[in-house]
C-alpha atoms as a PDB file:
ATOM      1  CA  MET A   1      46.727  96.434  93.246  1.00  0.00           C
ATOM      2  CA  SER A   2      50.196  97.927  93.391  1.00  0.00           C
ATOM      3  CA  ARG A   3      50.644 101.401  91.939  1.00  0.00           C
ATOM      4  CA  THR A   4      53.521 102.407  89.683  1.00  0.00           C
ATOM      5  CA  GLY A   5      55.075 105.868  89.611  1.00  0.00           C
ATOM      6  CA  THR A   6      54.862 107.246  86.072  1.00  0.00           C
ATOM      7  CA  VAL A   7      53.153 105.789  83.011  1.00  0.00           C
ATOM      8  CA  ALA A   8      53.911 107.284  79.587  1.00  0.00           C
ATOM      9  CA  VAL A   9      51.263 106.641  76.930  1.00  0.00           C
ATOM     10  CA  TYR A  10      51.940 107.225  73.222  1.00  0.00           C
ATOM     11  CA  PHE A  11      49.133 107.455  70.624  1.00  0.00           C
ATOM     12  CA  VAL A  12      50.703 106.980  67.172  1.00  0.00           C
ATOM     13  CA  ALA A  13      49.540 106.509  63.585  1.00  0.00           C
ATOM     14  CA  SER A  14      52.674 106.912  61.438  1.00  0.00           C
ATOM     15  CA  PRO A  15      56.265 105.619  61.327  1.00  0.00           C
ATOM     16  CA  LEU A  16      57.604 109.089  62.192  1.00  0.00           C
ATOM     17  CA  GLN A  17      55.360 109.360  65.247  1.00  0.00           C
ATOM     18  CA  TYR A  18      56.419 105.866  66.277  1.00  0.00           C
ATOM     19  CA  LEU A  19      60.141 106.643  66.014  1.00  0.00           C
ATOM     20  CA  ALA A  20      59.612 109.858  67.985  1.00  0.00           C
ATOM     21  CA  ALA A  21      57.703 107.955  70.676  1.00  0.00           C
ATOM     22  CA  ARG A  22      60.474 105.389  70.875  1.00  0.00           C
ATOM     23  CA  ARG A  23      63.135 108.076  71.308  1.00  0.00           C
ATOM     24  CA  ILE A  24      61.092 109.895  73.969  1.00  0.00           C
ATOM     25  CA  ALA A  25      60.643 106.642  75.857  1.00  0.00           C
ATOM     26  CA  GLU A  26      64.389 106.011  75.784  1.00  0.00           C
ATOM     27  CA  THR A  27      65.455 109.494  76.840  1.00  0.00           C
ATOM     28  CA  PHE A  28      62.859 111.823  78.368  1.00  0.00           C
ATOM     29  CA  GLU A  29      60.650 109.137  79.966  1.00  0.00           C
ATOM     30  CA  ALA A  30      63.262 106.539  80.864  1.00  0.00           C
ATOM     31  CA  GLY A  31      62.171 104.644  83.968  1.00  0.00           C
ATOM     32  CA  ALA A  32      58.444 105.081  83.333  1.00  0.00           C
ATOM     33  CA  ARG A  33      56.073 102.312  82.323  1.00  0.00           C
ATOM     34  CA  GLN A  34      55.904 102.619  78.532  1.00  0.00           C
ATOM     35  CA  VAL A  35      52.536 102.074  76.822  1.00  0.00           C
ATOM     36  CA  LEU A  36      52.148 102.256  73.036  1.00  0.00           C
ATOM     37  CA  VAL A  37      48.744 102.619  71.365  1.00  0.00           C
ATOM     38  CA  TRP A  38      48.409 102.707  67.586  1.00  0.00           C
ATOM     39  CA  TYR A  39      45.187 103.572  65.801  1.00  0.00           C
ATOM     40  CA  LYS A  40      45.919 102.840  62.148  1.00  0.00           C
ATOM     41  CA  ARG A  41      45.193  99.431  60.643  1.00  0.00           C
ATOM     42  CA  GLY A  42      48.180  97.660  59.137  1.00  0.00           C
ATOM     43  CA  PHE A  43      50.675  99.453  61.360  1.00  0.00           C
ATOM     44  CA  GLU A  44      51.358  96.301  63.391  1.00  0.00           C
ATOM     45  CA  ALA A  45      54.333  95.353  61.202  1.00  0.00           C
ATOM     46  CA  ALA A  46      56.219  98.461  62.341  1.00  0.00           C
ATOM     47  CA  ILE A  47      55.762  97.770  66.062  1.00  0.00           C
ATOM     48  CA  GLU A  48      58.588  96.249  68.089  1.00  0.00           C
ATOM     49  CA  ALA A  49      56.503  94.887  70.948  1.00  0.00           C
ATOM     50  CA  ASP A  50      59.486  93.935  73.101  1.00  0.00           C
ATOM     51  CA  ARG A  51      60.438  97.629  73.413  1.00  0.00           C
ATOM     52  CA  TRP A  52      57.200  98.407  75.283  1.00  0.00           C
ATOM     53  CA  ASP A  53      55.748  97.353  78.610  1.00  0.00           C
ATOM     54  CA  ALA A  54      52.325  97.158  76.957  1.00  0.00           C
ATOM     55  CA  SER A  55      50.985  97.851  73.471  1.00  0.00           C
ATOM     56  CA  SER A  56      47.738  97.511  71.549  1.00  0.00           C
ATOM     57  CA  TYR A  57      45.746  98.604  68.527  1.00  0.00           C
ATOM     58  CA  MET A  58      42.920 101.055  69.328  1.00  0.00           C
ATOM     59  CA  ALA A  59      39.969 101.395  66.953  1.00  0.00           C
ATOM     60  CA  TRP A  60      39.135 104.943  65.814  1.00  0.00           C
ATOM     61  CA  PRO A  61      35.564 105.574  67.056  1.00  0.00           C
ATOM     62  CA  ARG A  62      34.319 107.393  63.966  1.00  0.00           C
ATOM     63  CA  ILE A  63      35.752 104.776  61.571  1.00  0.00           C
ATOM     64  CA  GLU A  64      35.147 101.640  63.644  1.00  0.00           C
ATOM     65  CA  PRO A  65      32.207 102.229  65.991  1.00  0.00           C
ATOM     66  CA  LEU A  66      30.893  99.303  68.004  1.00  0.00           C
ATOM     67  CA  PRO A  67      27.842  97.552  66.502  1.00  0.00           C
ATOM     68  CA  GLY A  68      24.420  98.784  67.485  1.00  0.00           C
ATOM     69  CA  VAL A  69      22.975 102.003  68.848  1.00  0.00           C
ATOM     70  CA  PHE A  70      25.453 104.717  69.960  1.00  0.00           C
ATOM     71  CA  GLY A  71      28.322 102.610  68.676  1.00  0.00           C
ATOM     72  CA  ARG A  72      30.692 105.569  68.444  1.00  0.00           C
ATOM     73  CA  HIS A  73      29.945 106.623  72.025  1.00  0.00           C
ATOM     74  CA  ARG A  74      30.427 103.066  73.313  1.00  0.00           C
ATOM     75  CA  ARG A  75      33.696 102.718  71.356  1.00  0.00           C
ATOM     76  CA  LEU A  76      35.040 105.814  73.100  1.00  0.00           C
ATOM     77  CA  ARG A  77      34.311 104.304  76.493  1.00  0.00           C
ATOM     78  CA  ALA A  78      35.721 100.923  75.452  1.00  0.00           C
ATOM     79  CA  ASN A  79      38.945 102.602  74.292  1.00  0.00           C
ATOM     80  CA  ILE A  80      39.353 104.297  77.662  1.00  0.00           C
ATOM     81  CA  ARG A  81      38.942 100.953  79.420  1.00  0.00           C
ATOM     82  CA  LEU A  82      41.437  99.387  77.003  1.00  0.00           C
ATOM     83  CA  VAL A  83      44.173 101.967  77.578  1.00  0.00           C
ATOM     84  CA  ALA A  84      43.506 102.108  81.333  1.00  0.00           C
ATOM     85  CA  GLY A  85      44.053  98.364  81.438  1.00  0.00           C
ATOM     86  CA  LEU A  86      47.365  98.732  79.606  1.00  0.00           C
ATOM     87  CA  ALA A  87      48.544 101.570  81.841  1.00  0.00           C
ATOM     88  CA  GLY A  88      47.367 100.185  85.173  1.00  0.00           C
ATOM     89  CA  PRO A  89      47.110 102.152  88.442  1.00  0.00           C
ATOM     90  CA  CYS A  90      49.702 104.940  88.635  1.00  0.00           C
ATOM     91  CA  GLU A  91      50.560 108.219  90.337  1.00  0.00           C
ATOM     92  CA  ARG A  92      51.535 110.181  87.204  1.00  0.00           C
ATOM     93  CA  LEU A  93      50.410 110.023  83.567  1.00  0.00           C
ATOM     94  CA  VAL A  94      52.183 111.531  80.550  1.00  0.00           C
ATOM     95  CA  LEU A  95      50.055 111.447  77.377  1.00  0.00           C
ATOM     96  CA  HIS A  96      51.672 111.871  73.943  1.00  0.00           C
ATOM     97  CA  SER A  97      49.824 112.530  70.686  1.00  0.00           C
ATOM     98  CA  ALA A  98      50.390 114.456  67.453  1.00  0.00           C
ATOM     99  CA  VAL A  99      47.066 116.245  67.908  1.00  0.00           C
ATOM    100  CA  PHE A 100      44.548 116.777  70.724  1.00  0.00           C
ATOM    101  CA  ASP A 101      41.685 118.348  68.762  1.00  0.00           C
ATOM    102  CA  THR A 102      39.972 115.029  68.118  1.00  0.00           C
ATOM    103  CA  GLU A 103      37.488 113.160  70.262  1.00  0.00           C
ATOM    104  CA  ALA A 104      39.388 109.878  69.875  1.00  0.00           C
ATOM    105  CA  ILE A 105      42.339 111.325  71.844  1.00  0.00           C
ATOM    106  CA  ASN A 106      41.078 114.372  73.740  1.00  0.00           C
ATOM    107  CA  TYR A 107      38.753 112.498  76.099  1.00  0.00           C
ATOM    108  CA  PHE A 108      41.760 110.638  77.518  1.00  0.00           C
ATOM    109  CA  VAL A 109      43.085 113.865  79.076  1.00  0.00           C
ATOM    110  CA  HIS A 110      40.228 113.807  81.606  1.00  0.00           C
ATOM    111  CA  ALA A 111      39.148 110.160  81.606  1.00  0.00           C
ATOM    112  CA  LEU A 112      42.432 108.234  81.847  1.00  0.00           C
ATOM    113  CA  PRO A 113      43.685 109.843  85.097  1.00  0.00           C
ATOM    114  CA  LEU A 114      40.321 108.980  86.685  1.00  0.00           C
ATOM    115  CA  ALA A 115      40.541 105.388  85.466  1.00  0.00           C
ATOM    116  CA  CYS A 116      44.154 104.975  86.631  1.00  0.00           C
ATOM    117  CA  GLY A 117      43.900 106.966  89.859  1.00  0.00           C
ATOM    118  CA  ALA A 118      46.666 109.329  88.719  1.00  0.00           C
ATOM    119  CA  HIS A 119      47.170 112.533  90.718  1.00  0.00           C
ATOM    120  CA  GLU A 120      49.303 114.268  88.050  1.00  0.00           C
ATOM    121  CA  THR A 121      48.767 114.404  84.278  1.00  0.00           C
ATOM    122  CA  HIS A 122      50.720 115.969  81.429  1.00  0.00           C
ATOM    123  CA  ALA A 123      49.866 116.129  77.720  1.00  0.00           C
ATOM    124  CA  ARG A 124      52.686 116.403  75.194  1.00  0.00           C
ATOM    125  CA  ILE A 125      52.740 116.688  71.418  1.00  0.00           C
ATOM    126  CA  LEU A 126      54.585 114.361  69.061  1.00  0.00           C
ATOM    127  CA  PRO A 127      56.188 115.738  65.882  1.00  0.00           C
ATOM    128  CA  ASP A 128      54.325 114.964  62.660  1.00  0.00           C
ATOM    129  CA  GLY A 129      56.678 115.868  59.839  1.00  0.00           C
ATOM    130  CA  LEU A 130      55.827 118.828  57.626  1.00  0.00           C
ATOM    131  CA  ILE A 131      52.537 119.338  59.459  1.00  0.00           C
ATOM    132  CA  SER A 132      54.558 120.485  62.455  1.00  0.00           C
ATOM    133  CA  ILE A 133      56.196 123.480  60.784  1.00  0.00           C
ATOM    134  CA  ARG A 134      53.068 125.660  60.943  1.00  0.00           C
ATOM    135  CA  ARG A 135      50.283 126.599  63.327  1.00  0.00           C
ATOM    136  CA  TYR A 136      46.706 125.748  62.387  1.00  0.00           C
ATOM    137  CA  PRO A 137      44.355 128.105  64.285  1.00  0.00           C
ATOM    138  CA  LEU A 138      41.059 126.614  65.383  1.00  0.00           C
ATOM    139  CA  SER A 139      38.129 128.017  63.428  1.00  0.00           C
ATOM    140  CA  LEU A 140      34.946 129.191  65.099  1.00  0.00           C
ATOM    141  CA  HIS A 141      33.192 126.090  63.777  1.00  0.00           C
ATOM    142  CA  ARG A 142      35.736 123.780  65.435  1.00  0.00           C
ATOM    143  CA  ARG A 143      35.506 125.709  68.699  1.00  0.00           C
ATOM    144  CA  VAL A 144      31.734 125.234  68.713  1.00  0.00           C
ATOM    145  CA  LEU A 145      32.212 121.547  67.926  1.00  0.00           C
ATOM    146  CA  GLN A 146      34.504 121.222  70.944  1.00  0.00           C
ATOM    147  CA  CYS A 147      31.773 122.567  73.188  1.00  0.00           C
ATOM    148  CA  ALA A 148      29.235 120.190  71.668  1.00  0.00           C
ATOM    149  CA  ARG A 149      31.515 117.255  72.486  1.00  0.00           C
ATOM    150  CA  LYS A 150      31.239 118.109  76.174  1.00  0.00           C
ATOM    151  CA  LEU A 151      27.592 117.011  76.047  1.00  0.00           C
ATOM    152  CA  ARG A 152      28.701 113.373  76.217  1.00  0.00           C
ATOM    153  CA  ARG A 153      29.449 113.810  79.911  1.00  0.00           C
ATOM    154  CA  LEU A 154      25.671 113.964  80.511  1.00  0.00           C
ATOM    155  CA  PHE A 155      25.599 110.250  79.689  1.00  0.00           C
ATOM    156  CA  ALA A 156      29.153 109.299  80.674  1.00  0.00           C
ATOM    157  CA  PRO A 157      30.801 111.641  83.236  1.00  0.00           C
ATOM    158  CA  GLU A 158      34.295 110.470  82.274  1.00  0.00           C
ATOM    159  CA  LEU A 159      33.811 111.792  78.702  1.00  0.00           C
ATOM    160  CA  ASN A 160      34.499 115.430  79.552  1.00  0.00           C
ATOM    161  CA  TYR A 161      36.070 117.048  76.492  1.00  0.00           C
ATOM    162  CA  ARG A 162      38.906 119.456  77.338  1.00  0.00           C
ATOM    163  CA  CYS A 163      38.239 122.558  75.246  1.00  0.00           C
ATOM    164  CA  PHE A 164      41.044 124.871  74.154  1.00  0.00           C
ATOM    165  CA  GLY A 165      41.801 127.594  71.631  1.00  0.00           C
ATOM    166  CA  GLY A 166      44.681 128.669  69.449  1.00  0.00           C
ATOM    167  CA  ASP A 167      46.576 125.998  67.563  1.00  0.00           C
ATOM    168  CA  ARG A 168      44.491 122.977  66.516  1.00  0.00           C
ATOM    169  CA  ILE A 169      47.020 120.355  67.573  1.00  0.00           C
ATOM    170  CA  GLY A 170      46.904 121.677  71.155  1.00  0.00           C
ATOM    171  CA  SER A 171      50.236 123.481  71.496  1.00  0.00           C
ATOM    172  CA  ASP A 172      48.437 126.438  73.173  1.00  0.00           C
ATOM    173  CA  ALA A 173      46.196 124.281  75.369  1.00  0.00           C
ATOM    174  CA  PRO A 174      46.654 124.785  79.138  1.00  0.00           C
ATOM    175  CA  PHE A 175      46.949 121.031  79.680  1.00  0.00           C
ATOM    176  CA  CYS A 176      49.853 120.760  77.192  1.00  0.00           C
ATOM    177  CA  ASP A 177      53.248 121.466  78.755  1.00  0.00           C
ATOM    178  CA  ARG A 178      55.652 120.257  76.043  1.00  0.00           C
ATOM    179  CA  VAL A 179      55.881 120.158  72.245  1.00  0.00           C
ATOM    180  CA  TYR A 180      58.505 117.830  70.795  1.00  0.00           C
ATOM    181  CA  VAL A 181      60.084 118.947  67.505  1.00  0.00           C
ATOM    182  CA  LEU A 182      62.575 117.428  65.097  1.00  0.00           C
ATOM    183  CA  PRO A 183      66.074 118.912  65.270  1.00  0.00           C
ATOM    184  CA  GLY A 184      66.637 121.593  62.633  1.00  0.00           C
ATOM    185  CA  LEU A 185      62.993 121.783  61.549  1.00  0.00           C
ATOM    186  CA  PRO A 186      61.454 125.278  61.831  1.00  0.00           C
ATOM    187  CA  HIS A 187      58.240 125.688  63.821  1.00  0.00           C
ATOM    188  CA  GLU A 188      55.902 128.310  65.287  1.00  0.00           C
ATOM    189  CA  TYR A 189      55.296 126.844  68.742  1.00  0.00           C
ATOM    190  CA  PRO A 190      55.720 128.682  72.085  1.00  0.00           C
ATOM    191  CA  ALA A 191      59.423 128.715  72.921  1.00  0.00           C
ATOM    192  CA  ASP A 192      58.838 127.805  76.558  1.00  0.00           C
ATOM    193  CA  LYS A 193      57.131 124.549  75.542  1.00  0.00           C
ATOM    194  CA  VAL A 194      59.441 123.368  72.763  1.00  0.00           C
ATOM    195  CA  CYS A 195      61.792 120.434  73.276  1.00  0.00           C
ATOM    196  CA  ALA A 196      64.000 119.266  70.393  1.00  0.00           C
ATOM    197  CA  LEU A 197      64.381 115.521  70.073  1.00  0.00           C
ATOM    198  CA  PRO A 198      67.745 113.843  69.614  1.00  0.00           C
ATOM    199  CA  PRO A 199      68.249 111.961  66.300  1.00  0.00           C
ATOM    200  CA  LEU A 200      65.395 109.485  65.897  1.00  0.00           C
ATOM    201  CA  VAL A 201      67.644 106.642  64.774  1.00  0.00           C
ATOM    202  CA  GLU A 202      71.251 105.654  65.225  1.00  0.00           C
ATOM    203  CA  ALA A 203      73.706 106.802  62.556  1.00  0.00           C
ATOM    204  CA  VAL A 204      74.203 104.457  59.600  1.00  0.00           C
ATOM    205  CA  GLN A 205      77.480 103.528  57.926  1.00  0.00           C
ATOM    206  CA  GLU A 206      79.335 105.998  55.751  1.00  0.00           C
ATOM    207  CA  ALA A 207      78.912 105.951  51.968  1.00  0.00           C
ATOM    208  CA  ALA A 208      80.738 103.297  49.963  1.00  0.00           C
ATOM    209  CA  ALA A 209      84.289 104.007  48.861  1.00  0.00           C
ATOM    210  CA  ASP A 210      83.948 101.731  45.784  1.00  0.00           C
ATOM    211  CA  PRO A 211      82.119 103.710  43.044  1.00  0.00           C
ATOM    212  CA  ARG A 212      80.724 100.460  41.620  1.00  0.00           C
ATOM    213  CA  ALA A 213      78.803  99.912  44.862  1.00  0.00           C
ATOM    214  CA  ARG A 214      77.086 103.309  44.913  1.00  0.00           C
ATOM    215  CA  ARG A 215      73.373 103.130  45.710  1.00  0.00           C
ATOM    216  CA  ALA A 216      70.443 105.536  45.774  1.00  0.00           C
ATOM    217  CA  LEU A 217      66.955 105.537  47.212  1.00  0.00           C
ATOM    218  CA  VAL A 218      64.029 107.159  45.392  1.00  0.00           C
ATOM    219  CA  ILE A 219      61.092 108.021  47.659  1.00  0.00           C
ATOM    220  CA  GLY A 220      57.715 107.963  45.942  1.00  0.00           C
ATOM    221  CA  GLN A 221      54.531 109.796  46.867  1.00  0.00           C
ATOM    222  CA  PRO A 222      51.037 110.263  45.358  1.00  0.00           C
ATOM    223  CA  LEU A 223      51.650 113.422  43.365  1.00  0.00           C
ATOM    224  CA  THR A 224      48.800 113.217  40.829  1.00  0.00           C
ATOM    225  CA  GLY A 225      46.522 111.557  43.380  1.00  0.00           C
ATOM    226  CA  PHE A 226      46.913 114.558  45.714  1.00  0.00           C
ATOM    227  CA  ARG A 227      46.802 117.000  42.761  1.00  0.00           C
ATOM    228  CA  LEU A 228      50.310 118.213  43.428  1.00  0.00           C
ATOM    229  CA  MET A 229      51.422 117.630  39.824  1.00  0.00           C
ATOM    230  CA  SER A 230      49.937 116.620  36.498  1.00  0.00           C
ATOM    231  CA  GLY A 231      50.746 113.249  34.947  1.00  0.00           C
ATOM    232  CA  ALA A 232      53.007 114.905  32.371  1.00  0.00           C
ATOM    233  CA  GLU A 233      54.889 116.786  35.098  1.00  0.00           C
ATOM    234  CA  VAL A 234      55.399 113.585  37.103  1.00  0.00           C
ATOM    235  CA  ALA A 235      56.765 111.834  34.002  1.00  0.00           C
ATOM    236  CA  ALA A 236      59.167 114.710  33.415  1.00  0.00           C
ATOM    237  CA  VAL A 237      60.443 114.659  37.006  1.00  0.00           C
ATOM    238  CA  THR A 238      60.796 110.859  36.901  1.00  0.00           C
ATOM    239  CA  ALA A 239      62.972 111.114  33.781  1.00  0.00           C
ATOM    240  CA  ARG A 240      64.959 113.964  35.319  1.00  0.00           C
ATOM    241  CA  ILE A 241      65.748 111.948  38.438  1.00  0.00           C
ATOM    242  CA  ARG A 242      66.847 109.012  36.280  1.00  0.00           C
ATOM    243  CA  ARG A 243      69.186 111.262  34.259  1.00  0.00           C
ATOM    244  CA  TRP A 244      70.667 112.704  37.435  1.00  0.00           C
ATOM    245  CA  LEU A 245      71.352 109.227  38.829  1.00  0.00           C
ATOM    246  CA  ASP A 246      72.990 108.203  35.559  1.00  0.00           C
ATOM    247  CA  GLY A 247      75.123 111.323  35.634  1.00  0.00           C
ATOM    248  CA  GLU A 248      76.270 110.481  39.162  1.00  0.00           C
ATOM    249  CA  GLY A 249      77.208 106.961  38.078  1.00  0.00           C
ATOM    250  CA  ILE A 250      74.659 105.369  40.418  1.00  0.00           C
ATOM    251  CA  ALA A 251      73.380 102.128  38.911  1.00  0.00           C
ATOM    252  CA  GLN A 252      71.837 100.486  41.991  1.00  0.00           C
ATOM    253  CA  VAL A 253      68.563 102.293  42.726  1.00  0.00           C
ATOM    254  CA  ASP A 254      65.921 101.269  45.258  1.00  0.00           C
ATOM    255  CA  TYR A 255      62.372 102.615  45.117  1.00  0.00           C
ATOM    256  CA  LYS A 256      60.006 102.937  48.072  1.00  0.00           C
ATOM    257  CA  ALA A 257      56.391 103.571  47.132  1.00  0.00           C
ATOM    258  CA  HIS A 258      54.031 105.552  49.328  1.00  0.00           C
ATOM    259  CA  PRO A 259      51.184 103.470  50.861  1.00  0.00           C
ATOM    260  CA  LYS A 260      48.662 105.730  49.070  1.00  0.00           C
ATOM    261  CA  ASP A 261      50.474 105.539  45.734  1.00  0.00           C
ATOM    262  CA  PRO A 262      49.484 102.269  43.997  1.00  0.00           C
ATOM    263  CA  ALA A 263      50.604 103.758  40.663  1.00  0.00           C
ATOM    264  CA  ARG A 264      54.175 103.995  42.017  1.00  0.00           C
ATOM    265  CA  GLU A 265      54.764 107.490  40.711  1.00  0.00           C
ATOM    266  CA  LEU A 266      58.432 108.420  40.236  1.00  0.00           C
ATOM    267  CA  CYS A 267      59.322 104.744  39.736  1.00  0.00           C
ATOM    268  CA  HIS A 268      61.501 103.763  36.760  1.00  0.00           C
ATOM    269  CA  PRO A 269      61.385 100.212  35.307  1.00  0.00           C
ATOM    270  CA  ASP A 270      64.928  99.376  36.366  1.00  0.00           C
ATOM    271  CA  TYR A 271      64.497 100.430  40.013  1.00  0.00           C
ATOM    272  CA  ARG A 272      64.343  97.729  42.684  1.00  0.00           C
ATOM    273  CA  LEU A 273      61.126  97.868  44.718  1.00  0.00           C
ATOM    274  CA  ILE A 274      61.481  97.626  48.503  1.00  0.00           C
ATOM    275  CA  ASP A 275      57.815  97.378  49.416  1.00  0.00           C
ATOM    276  CA  ASP A 276      58.513  94.484  51.769  1.00  0.00           C
ATOM    277  CA  VAL A 277      60.036  96.681  54.510  1.00  0.00           C
ATOM    278  CA  ALA A 278      57.975  97.551  57.605  1.00  0.00           C
ATOM    279  CA  THR A 279      58.690 101.302  57.556  1.00  0.00           C
ATOM    280  CA  LEU A 280      60.782 103.515  55.325  1.00  0.00           C
ATOM    281  CA  GLU A 281      62.404 105.186  58.333  1.00  0.00           C
ATOM    282  CA  SER A 282      63.544 101.870  59.794  1.00  0.00           C
ATOM    283  CA  HIS A 283      64.822 100.786  56.381  1.00  0.00           C
ATOM    284  CA  MET A 284      66.908 103.938  56.023  1.00  0.00           C
ATOM    285  CA  ALA A 285      68.252 103.498  59.536  1.00  0.00           C
ATOM    286  CA  HIS A 286      69.792 100.159  58.584  1.00  0.00           C
ATOM    287  CA  THR A 287      70.655 100.643  54.905  1.00  0.00           C
ATOM    288  CA  ARG A 288      73.549 102.567  53.395  1.00  0.00           C
ATOM    289  CA  TYR A 289      72.812 104.921  50.501  1.00  0.00           C
ATOM    290  CA  ASP A 290      74.902 107.488  48.683  1.00  0.00           C
ATOM    291  CA  ALA A 291      71.878 109.571  47.685  1.00  0.00           C
ATOM    292  CA  VAL A 292      68.229 109.846  48.699  1.00  0.00           C
ATOM    293  CA  VAL A 293      65.923 111.672  46.306  1.00  0.00           C
ATOM    294  CA  GLY A 294      62.243 112.514  45.981  1.00  0.00           C
ATOM    295  CA  VAL A 295      59.938 115.501  45.561  1.00  0.00           C
ATOM    296  CA  ARG A 296      58.399 116.855  48.795  1.00  0.00           C
ATOM    297  CA  SER A 297      58.043 113.785  50.987  1.00  0.00           C
ATOM    298  CA  SER A 298      58.697 114.476  54.677  1.00  0.00           C
ATOM    299  CA  SER A 299      60.885 111.354  54.607  1.00  0.00           C
ATOM    300  CA  LEU A 300      63.511 113.483  52.867  1.00  0.00           C
ATOM    301  CA  LEU A 301      63.775 115.553  56.039  1.00  0.00           C
ATOM    302  CA  LEU A 302      64.272 112.438  58.127  1.00  0.00           C
ATOM    303  CA  ALA A 303      66.792 111.064  55.631  1.00  0.00           C
ATOM    304  CA  ARG A 304      68.859 114.220  56.069  1.00  0.00           C
ATOM    305  CA  GLN A 305      68.894 113.595  59.824  1.00  0.00           C
ATOM    306  CA  ILE A 306      69.734 109.906  59.484  1.00  0.00           C
ATOM    307  CA  TYR A 307      72.558 110.013  56.956  1.00  0.00           C
ATOM    308  CA  PRO A 308      75.957 111.743  57.261  1.00  0.00           C
ATOM    309  CA  LYS A 309      76.660 114.884  55.222  1.00  0.00           C
ATOM    310  CA  PRO A 310      78.434 113.124  52.292  1.00  0.00           C
ATOM    311  CA  VAL A 311      75.103 111.457  51.452  1.00  0.00           C
ATOM    312  CA  ARG A 312      73.133 113.811  49.208  1.00  0.00           C
ATOM    313  CA  VAL A 313      69.429 114.297  49.921  1.00  0.00           C
ATOM    314  CA  ILE A 314      67.712 116.078  47.026  1.00  0.00           C
ATOM    315  CA  ALA A 315      64.182 117.311  46.288  1.00  0.00           C
ATOM    316  CA  PHE A 316      63.316 117.455  42.578  1.00  0.00           C
ATOM    317  CA  GLY A 317      60.602 119.269  40.656  1.00  0.00           C
ATOM    318  CA  TRP A 318      59.514 121.989  43.064  1.00  0.00           C
ATOM    319  CA  GLU A 319      59.019 124.426  40.188  1.00  0.00           C
ATOM    320  CA  SER A 320      56.079 122.234  39.079  1.00  0.00           C
ATOM    321  CA  LEU A 321      54.543 121.582  42.503  1.00  0.00           C
ATOM    322  CA  ARG A 322      51.162 123.004  43.453  1.00  0.00           C
ATOM    323  CA  PHE A 323      50.632 124.358  46.959  1.00  0.00           C
ATOM    324  CA  LYS A 324      47.556 125.625  48.776  1.00  0.00           C
ATOM    325  CA  SER A 325      49.166 129.042  49.056  1.00  0.00           C
ATOM    326  CA  GLU A 326      52.420 130.856  48.435  1.00  0.00           C
ATOM    327  CA  ARG A 327      52.992 130.918  52.186  1.00  0.00           C
ATOM    328  CA  GLU A 328      52.772 127.133  52.328  1.00  0.00           C
ATOM    329  CA  ARG A 329      55.335 126.885  49.529  1.00  0.00           C
ATOM    330  CA  GLU A 330      57.765 129.197  51.299  1.00  0.00           C
ATOM    331  CA  ASP A 331      57.268 127.527  54.686  1.00  0.00           C
ATOM    332  CA  MET A 332      57.996 124.098  53.227  1.00  0.00           C
ATOM    333  CA  ARG A 333      60.969 125.320  51.227  1.00  0.00           C
ATOM    334  CA  ARG A 334      62.372 126.946  54.358  1.00  0.00           C
ATOM    335  CA  ALA A 335      61.889 123.705  56.304  1.00  0.00           C
ATOM    336  CA  PHE A 336      63.653 121.604  53.681  1.00  0.00           C
ATOM    337  CA  ALA A 337      66.497 124.093  53.283  1.00  0.00           C
ATOM    338  CA  SER A 338      67.058 124.486  57.026  1.00  0.00           C
ATOM    339  CA  CYS A 339      67.434 120.699  57.348  1.00  0.00           C
ATOM    340  CA  GLY A 340      70.015 120.604  54.559  1.00  0.00           C
ATOM    341  CA  VAL A 341      67.899 119.133  51.758  1.00  0.00           C
ATOM    342  CA  GLU A 342      69.103 120.247  48.307  1.00  0.00           C
ATOM    343  CA  PHE A 343      66.805 121.380  45.484  1.00  0.00           C
ATOM    344  CA  ALA A 344      67.250 120.355  41.865  1.00  0.00           C
END
């Protein structure tokens, strides 16, 4: 079989990761064979298959093991064969993932180069929204678990887990040579590894000159479901957003619910639901708005990067939000502020 030069593989599970992978493929890995692997059910609608040389869904071993004895172990091996088939023989592999401290992804660092005959391998980290603004040190328990995962090589030599310390996502790992970050978003990664991405989508049209055509987007999220606010606090913020929109003279309001928010928190009866779109990020990239509002959704950060400065991006209700710690609150506030998101 003929051997290609470089193959870039992207493991994604969210619209943001997908857009980042697409931009990396277009800029930093242009000329390579581009392979997309998604591991979240229902994500197919967001995939533009014609942008990739090969693409496929990959089952998560813990969630979808193969039937029978050692189903999780056999799923791991089947996934390696799947991705190796998509990549094909190559000289150089570049693996992209938002995190490498998980057996579903980590085993590829050792196994995929063997399967593809690659002589050079790099592992690089995709941005993952607000998760990417902080470091998450590996606990002793997780370090021990890493070592335990190496035992699989006794039964399958290709399943040799690559242990590492420091940050859980792998930014300190010796096999990781680059960490992609969103422009303007603060982070705590090693400066010599950081690479800021260009805008993830093309700029949209400027805001409407006709006041009667002014539009806004309200971004929902599961606030009570994630215990970030009480029901009464959510109702108060919902009413406050509605009053602000009225005060701005914005009558056309779209509402995008979060996939894990069946109650459609923050939604007002006269908002227009846009649940039929594949991804919120893609929708914003092709739709003009004069304001984008929400509470603490990471999509507000992306909205600020997509839309020109005259479009206001505002986070409401932070005085009522619950955080795991005061440091988390300050880190998130700093991230939103540094990207130009307003607080109300």
